[in-house]
Amino acid sequence: MKKRHLILACGLILLCGLVLGACKSHDESIDENLLGQWGGEHGPVYHFFREGRYERYSGTAISGKYTTKSNKLTIEPSIKYRDVHGDKLVFTYSIEGDTLTLSSKGGGTYSYTRMKPIVP
């Protein structure tokens, strides 16, 4: 009887460990609605990846990290691509349907459309 309880307790502990491990692997600083490619009519294309990395294409490719919290998008270009804007760019963002709208602190507003993946 004691052996049976010990096996059940070990199984329960293992199950709890798996559940907690799965919870920690989800990055709460990433809005999953933002994932994928977004392109502007005359502007750059942004590609947001699940692991918190982004790429921006506009003549040259720029990459870095990003996070989201509430309705704020913080973009951190890699050191190689930082310019007069400093280490971080912060935008207020919203997604309605297939439209991403970014608003900067300086008052600029930029719209992007979700791009469909290219399937070979």
N, C-alpha and C. Protein backbone atom coordinates (compact mmCIF):
# COMPACT_ATOMS: atom_id res chain seq x y z
N MET A 1 0.82 -1.20 0.00
CA MET A 1 0.00 0.00 0.00
C MET A 1 0.86 1.26 0.00
N LYS A 2 1.93 1.29 0.84
CA LYS A 2 2.81 2.45 0.91
C LYS A 2 3.52 2.64 -0.42
N LYS A 3 3.89 1.53 -1.06
CA LYS A 3 4.58 1.59 -2.34
C LYS A 3 3.67 2.24 -3.40
N ARG A 4 2.42 1.91 -3.35
CA ARG A 4 1.43 2.45 -4.30
C ARG A 4 1.29 3.97 -4.12
N HIS A 5 1.22 4.43 -2.87
CA HIS A 5 1.12 5.86 -2.57
C HIS A 5 2.38 6.60 -3.00
N LEU A 6 3.52 5.97 -2.81
CA LEU A 6 4.79 6.56 -3.21
C LEU A 6 4.84 6.74 -4.73
N ILE A 7 4.39 5.74 -5.46
CA ILE A 7 4.37 5.82 -6.93
C ILE A 7 3.40 6.91 -7.39
N LEU A 8 2.22 7.00 -6.78
CA LEU A 8 1.26 8.04 -7.11
C LEU A 8 1.82 9.43 -6.80
N ALA A 9 2.49 9.59 -5.67
CA ALA A 9 3.07 10.88 -5.29
C ALA A 9 4.16 11.29 -6.28
N CYS A 10 5.00 10.33 -6.66
CA CYS A 10 6.06 10.63 -7.65
C CYS A 10 5.46 11.03 -8.99
N GLY A 11 4.41 10.35 -9.39
CA GLY A 11 3.73 10.69 -10.65
C GLY A 11 3.13 12.08 -10.60
N LEU A 12 2.53 12.43 -9.48
CA LEU A 12 1.93 13.76 -9.31
C LEU A 12 3.01 14.84 -9.34
N ILE A 13 4.13 14.59 -8.68
CA ILE A 13 5.23 15.56 -8.68
C ILE A 13 5.77 15.74 -10.10
N LEU A 14 5.93 14.65 -10.82
CA LEU A 14 6.40 14.72 -12.21
C LEU A 14 5.43 15.50 -13.08
N LEU A 15 4.15 15.25 -12.93
CA LEU A 15 3.13 15.96 -13.69
C LEU A 15 3.14 17.45 -13.38
N CYS A 16 3.27 17.82 -12.12
CA CYS A 16 3.33 19.23 -11.74
C CYS A 16 4.57 19.90 -12.34
N GLY A 17 5.69 19.20 -12.34
CA GLY A 17 6.91 19.74 -12.94
C GLY A 17 6.75 19.99 -14.42
N LEU A 18 6.09 19.07 -15.12
CA LEU A 18 5.86 19.26 -16.56
C LEU A 18 4.95 20.44 -16.84
N VAL A 19 3.91 20.58 -16.05
CA VAL A 19 2.97 21.70 -16.23
C VAL A 19 3.67 23.03 -15.96
N LEU A 20 4.43 23.12 -14.87
CA LEU A 20 5.15 24.36 -14.57
C LEU A 20 6.20 24.67 -15.63
N GLY A 21 6.87 23.67 -16.14
CA GLY A 21 7.85 23.88 -17.20
C GLY A 21 7.20 24.42 -18.45
N ALA A 22 6.03 23.92 -18.79
CA ALA A 22 5.31 24.41 -19.96
C ALA A 22 4.88 25.85 -19.77
N CYS A 23 4.48 26.21 -18.56
CA CYS A 23 4.07 27.59 -18.30
C CYS A 23 5.25 28.54 -18.44
N LYS A 24 6.41 28.16 -18.00
CA LYS A 24 7.58 29.03 -18.08
C LYS A 24 8.06 29.21 -19.51
N SER A 25 7.78 28.24 -20.39
CA SER A 25 8.28 28.35 -21.75
C SER A 25 7.47 29.35 -22.58
N HIS A 26 6.30 29.75 -22.10
CA HIS A 26 5.50 30.74 -22.80
C HIS A 26 6.00 32.13 -22.43
N ASP A 27 6.38 32.89 -23.43
CA ASP A 27 6.92 34.23 -23.19
C ASP A 27 5.78 35.23 -23.16
N GLU A 28 5.47 35.73 -21.97
CA GLU A 28 4.35 36.66 -21.82
C GLU A 28 4.66 38.05 -22.35
N SER A 29 5.92 38.29 -22.74
CA SER A 29 6.28 39.61 -23.26
C SER A 29 6.11 39.69 -24.77
N ILE A 30 5.49 38.67 -25.37
CA ILE A 30 5.26 38.63 -26.82
C ILE A 30 3.76 38.50 -27.08
N ASP A 31 3.22 39.43 -27.86
CA ASP A 31 1.82 39.37 -28.29
C ASP A 31 1.76 38.49 -29.53
N GLU A 32 1.14 37.34 -29.43
CA GLU A 32 1.10 36.40 -30.54
C GLU A 32 0.36 36.95 -31.76
N ASN A 33 -0.49 37.94 -31.57
CA ASN A 33 -1.20 38.55 -32.70
C ASN A 33 -0.24 39.32 -33.60
N LEU A 34 0.93 39.67 -33.08
CA LEU A 34 1.91 40.45 -33.82
C LEU A 34 2.81 39.57 -34.71
N LEU A 35 2.84 38.28 -34.43
CA LEU A 35 3.74 37.38 -35.15
C LEU A 35 3.47 37.36 -36.64
N GLY A 36 4.54 37.27 -37.43
CA GLY A 36 4.43 37.19 -38.88
C GLY A 36 4.98 38.43 -39.54
N GLN A 37 4.66 38.58 -40.83
CA GLN A 37 5.18 39.70 -41.62
C GLN A 37 4.12 40.77 -41.82
N TRP A 38 4.56 42.02 -41.73
CA TRP A 38 3.70 43.19 -41.91
C TRP A 38 4.40 44.14 -42.87
N GLY A 39 3.69 44.62 -43.86
CA GLY A 39 4.29 45.52 -44.84
C GLY A 39 3.48 46.79 -45.01
N GLY A 40 4.20 47.91 -45.19
CA GLY A 40 3.56 49.18 -45.45
C GLY A 40 3.47 49.42 -46.95
N GLU A 41 2.58 50.28 -47.38
CA GLU A 41 2.41 50.56 -48.81
C GLU A 41 3.70 51.07 -49.43
N HIS A 42 4.37 51.99 -48.76
CA HIS A 42 5.62 52.53 -49.29
C HIS A 42 6.75 52.38 -48.28
N GLY A 43 6.51 51.65 -47.23
CA GLY A 43 7.50 51.59 -46.16
C GLY A 43 8.14 50.23 -46.01
N PRO A 44 8.75 50.02 -44.89
CA PRO A 44 9.47 48.78 -44.65
C PRO A 44 8.54 47.59 -44.39
N VAL A 45 9.14 46.41 -44.40
CA VAL A 45 8.45 45.17 -44.02
C VAL A 45 9.05 44.73 -42.69
N TYR A 46 8.19 44.47 -41.72
CA TYR A 46 8.62 43.96 -40.42
C TYR A 46 8.25 42.49 -40.35
N HIS A 47 9.14 41.68 -39.80
CA HIS A 47 8.85 40.27 -39.54
C HIS A 47 9.11 40.03 -38.06
N PHE A 48 8.05 39.71 -37.32
CA PHE A 48 8.15 39.46 -35.89
C PHE A 48 8.11 37.95 -35.65
N PHE A 49 9.13 37.44 -34.94
CA PHE A 49 9.26 36.02 -34.67
C PHE A 49 8.86 35.72 -33.23
N ARG A 50 8.46 34.47 -33.00
CA ARG A 50 7.95 34.03 -31.70
C ARG A 50 8.95 34.22 -30.57
N GLU A 51 10.24 34.04 -30.83
CA GLU A 51 11.22 34.11 -29.75
C GLU A 51 11.62 35.53 -29.36
N GLY A 52 10.91 36.54 -29.88
CA GLY A 52 11.20 37.92 -29.50
C GLY A 52 12.23 38.60 -30.38
N ARG A 53 12.45 38.04 -31.55
CA ARG A 53 13.38 38.62 -32.51
C ARG A 53 12.57 39.21 -33.66
N TYR A 54 13.08 40.29 -34.25
CA TYR A 54 12.41 40.88 -35.39
C TYR A 54 13.44 41.18 -36.48
N GLU A 55 12.95 41.31 -37.70
CA GLU A 55 13.76 41.76 -38.83
C GLU A 55 12.96 42.83 -39.55
N ARG A 56 13.66 43.85 -40.02
CA ARG A 56 13.03 44.97 -40.75
C ARG A 56 13.76 45.08 -42.08
N TYR A 57 12.98 45.07 -43.15
CA TYR A 57 13.55 45.16 -44.49
C TYR A 57 13.12 46.46 -45.15
N SER A 58 14.09 47.25 -45.54
CA SER A 58 13.81 48.49 -46.27
C SER A 58 15.12 48.91 -46.93
N GLY A 59 15.42 48.27 -48.03
CA GLY A 59 16.72 48.49 -48.66
C GLY A 59 17.78 47.59 -48.05
N THR A 60 17.94 47.65 -46.73
CA THR A 60 18.83 46.75 -46.02
C THR A 60 18.04 46.06 -44.92
N ALA A 61 18.54 44.94 -44.49
CA ALA A 61 17.88 44.20 -43.41
C ALA A 61 18.45 44.66 -42.07
N ILE A 62 17.58 44.97 -41.15
CA ILE A 62 17.96 45.35 -39.78
C ILE A 62 17.29 44.34 -38.86
N SER A 63 18.01 43.89 -37.85
CA SER A 63 17.43 42.91 -36.94
C SER A 63 17.66 43.34 -35.50
N GLY A 64 16.96 42.69 -34.60
CA GLY A 64 17.09 42.98 -33.18
C GLY A 64 16.07 42.22 -32.38
N LYS A 65 15.78 42.72 -31.18
CA LYS A 65 14.80 42.09 -30.29
C LYS A 65 13.61 43.02 -30.10
N TYR A 66 12.48 42.43 -29.72
CA TYR A 66 11.30 43.24 -29.41
C TYR A 66 10.54 42.61 -28.26
N THR A 67 9.76 43.45 -27.57
CA THR A 67 8.85 42.98 -26.53
C THR A 67 7.55 43.78 -26.65
N THR A 68 6.49 43.22 -26.09
CA THR A 68 5.22 43.92 -26.03
C THR A 68 4.71 43.87 -24.59
N LYS A 69 4.07 44.95 -24.20
CA LYS A 69 3.43 44.99 -22.89
C LYS A 69 2.26 45.95 -23.02
N SER A 70 1.09 45.47 -22.65
CA SER A 70 -0.16 46.21 -22.85
C SER A 70 -0.22 46.55 -24.33
N ASN A 71 -0.26 47.81 -24.68
CA ASN A 71 -0.32 48.17 -26.10
C ASN A 71 0.96 48.89 -26.54
N LYS A 72 2.08 48.57 -25.85
CA LYS A 72 3.38 49.16 -26.18
C LYS A 72 4.27 48.12 -26.86
N LEU A 73 4.89 48.52 -27.96
CA LEU A 73 5.85 47.69 -28.68
C LEU A 73 7.21 48.35 -28.52
N THR A 74 8.16 47.63 -27.94
CA THR A 74 9.52 48.14 -27.77
C THR A 74 10.44 47.37 -28.69
N ILE A 75 11.11 48.10 -29.57
CA ILE A 75 12.03 47.51 -30.55
C ILE A 75 13.45 47.91 -30.15
N GLU A 76 14.32 46.91 -30.06
CA GLU A 76 15.72 47.14 -29.73
C GLU A 76 16.59 46.63 -30.88
N PRO A 77 17.03 47.51 -31.77
CA PRO A 77 17.90 47.06 -32.85
C PRO A 77 19.23 46.54 -32.28
N SER A 78 19.83 45.61 -32.99
CA SER A 78 21.15 45.14 -32.55
C SER A 78 22.10 46.33 -32.60
N ILE A 79 23.16 46.27 -31.82
CA ILE A 79 24.10 47.40 -31.68
C ILE A 79 24.54 47.92 -33.03
N LYS A 80 24.75 47.05 -33.96
CA LYS A 80 25.22 47.42 -35.30
C LYS A 80 24.29 48.42 -35.99
N TYR A 81 22.99 48.41 -35.64
CA TYR A 81 22.01 49.23 -36.35
C TYR A 81 21.44 50.38 -35.54
N ARG A 82 21.95 50.63 -34.36
CA ARG A 82 21.42 51.73 -33.55
C ARG A 82 21.88 53.06 -34.13
N ASP A 83 21.00 54.04 -34.08
CA ASP A 83 21.33 55.35 -34.65
C ASP A 83 20.90 56.46 -33.70
N VAL A 84 20.52 57.58 -34.23
CA VAL A 84 20.16 58.73 -33.41
C VAL A 84 18.95 58.48 -32.51
N HIS A 85 18.18 57.45 -32.77
CA HIS A 85 17.00 57.15 -31.95
C HIS A 85 17.37 56.50 -30.63
N GLY A 86 18.62 56.09 -30.49
CA GLY A 86 19.04 55.46 -29.24
C GLY A 86 18.91 53.95 -29.28
N ASP A 87 18.92 53.37 -28.10
CA ASP A 87 18.91 51.92 -27.97
C ASP A 87 17.55 51.28 -28.22
N LYS A 88 16.47 52.02 -27.98
CA LYS A 88 15.12 51.46 -28.08
C LYS A 88 14.19 52.42 -28.78
N LEU A 89 13.25 51.85 -29.49
CA LEU A 89 12.14 52.62 -30.06
C LEU A 89 10.87 52.07 -29.42
N VAL A 90 10.02 52.95 -28.93
CA VAL A 90 8.78 52.52 -28.29
C VAL A 90 7.60 53.09 -29.07
N PHE A 91 6.68 52.22 -29.43
CA PHE A 91 5.48 52.59 -30.16
C PHE A 91 4.25 52.14 -29.38
N THR A 92 3.17 52.86 -29.51
CA THR A 92 1.87 52.36 -29.12
C THR A 92 1.35 51.63 -30.35
N TYR A 93 0.79 50.44 -30.15
CA TYR A 93 0.33 49.70 -31.32
C TYR A 93 -1.07 49.14 -31.11
N SER A 94 -1.73 48.91 -32.25
CA SER A 94 -3.03 48.25 -32.24
C SER A 94 -3.13 47.38 -33.49
N ILE A 95 -3.87 46.30 -33.36
CA ILE A 95 -4.11 45.41 -34.49
C ILE A 95 -5.61 45.26 -34.64
N GLU A 96 -6.10 45.62 -35.83
CA GLU A 96 -7.51 45.45 -36.15
C GLU A 96 -7.58 44.68 -37.46
N GLY A 97 -8.06 43.45 -37.38
CA GLY A 97 -8.09 42.61 -38.58
C GLY A 97 -6.68 42.36 -39.05
N ASP A 98 -6.40 42.71 -40.30
CA ASP A 98 -5.07 42.53 -40.89
C ASP A 98 -4.28 43.83 -40.94
N THR A 99 -4.63 44.80 -40.08
CA THR A 99 -3.93 46.08 -40.07
C THR A 99 -3.26 46.32 -38.72
N LEU A 100 -1.96 46.59 -38.79
CA LEU A 100 -1.15 46.96 -37.62
C LEU A 100 -0.90 48.45 -37.70
N THR A 101 -1.22 49.18 -36.64
CA THR A 101 -0.97 50.61 -36.59
C THR A 101 0.03 50.90 -35.47
N LEU A 102 1.12 51.58 -35.83
CA LEU A 102 2.14 51.99 -34.87
C LEU A 102 2.08 53.51 -34.72
N SER A 103 2.12 53.98 -33.50
CA SER A 103 2.15 55.42 -33.23
C SER A 103 3.37 55.72 -32.39
N SER A 104 4.16 56.70 -32.83
CA SER A 104 5.37 57.06 -32.09
C SER A 104 5.06 58.18 -31.11
N LYS A 105 5.95 58.36 -30.16
CA LYS A 105 5.80 59.41 -29.16
C LYS A 105 5.78 60.79 -29.81
N GLY A 106 6.49 60.93 -30.94
CA GLY A 106 6.55 62.19 -31.66
C GLY A 106 5.31 62.51 -32.48
N GLY A 107 4.35 61.58 -32.50
CA GLY A 107 3.10 61.85 -33.20
C GLY A 107 2.95 61.18 -34.55
N GLY A 108 3.99 60.49 -35.01
CA GLY A 108 3.89 59.79 -36.30
C GLY A 108 3.04 58.54 -36.18
N THR A 109 2.23 58.26 -37.21
CA THR A 109 1.41 57.06 -37.24
C THR A 109 1.72 56.30 -38.52
N TYR A 110 1.93 54.99 -38.37
CA TYR A 110 2.33 54.14 -39.50
C TYR A 110 1.43 52.92 -39.54
N SER A 111 0.93 52.59 -40.74
CA SER A 111 0.05 51.44 -40.90
C SER A 111 0.73 50.37 -41.74
N TYR A 112 0.51 49.14 -41.35
CA TYR A 112 1.07 47.98 -42.04
C TYR A 112 -0.02 46.93 -42.21
N THR A 113 0.07 46.16 -43.27
CA THR A 113 -0.89 45.11 -43.57
C THR A 113 -0.22 43.76 -43.40
N ARG A 114 -0.93 42.81 -42.78
CA ARG A 114 -0.39 41.46 -42.60
C ARG A 114 -0.15 40.85 -43.97
N MET A 115 1.03 40.32 -44.16
CA MET A 115 1.40 39.72 -45.43
C MET A 115 1.16 38.22 -45.35
N LYS A 116 0.65 37.66 -46.40
CA LYS A 116 0.40 36.22 -46.46
C LYS A 116 1.72 35.50 -46.67
N PRO A 117 1.94 34.39 -45.98
CA PRO A 117 3.18 33.63 -46.18
C PRO A 117 3.26 33.11 -47.61
N ILE A 118 4.47 33.09 -48.15
CA ILE A 118 4.68 32.54 -49.48
C ILE A 118 4.93 31.04 -49.34
N VAL A 119 4.09 30.25 -49.98
CA VAL A 119 4.21 28.81 -49.90
C VAL A 119 4.77 28.32 -51.24
N PRO A 120 5.93 27.62 -51.19
CA PRO A 120 6.52 27.13 -52.46
C PRO A 120 5.71 26.05 -53.11
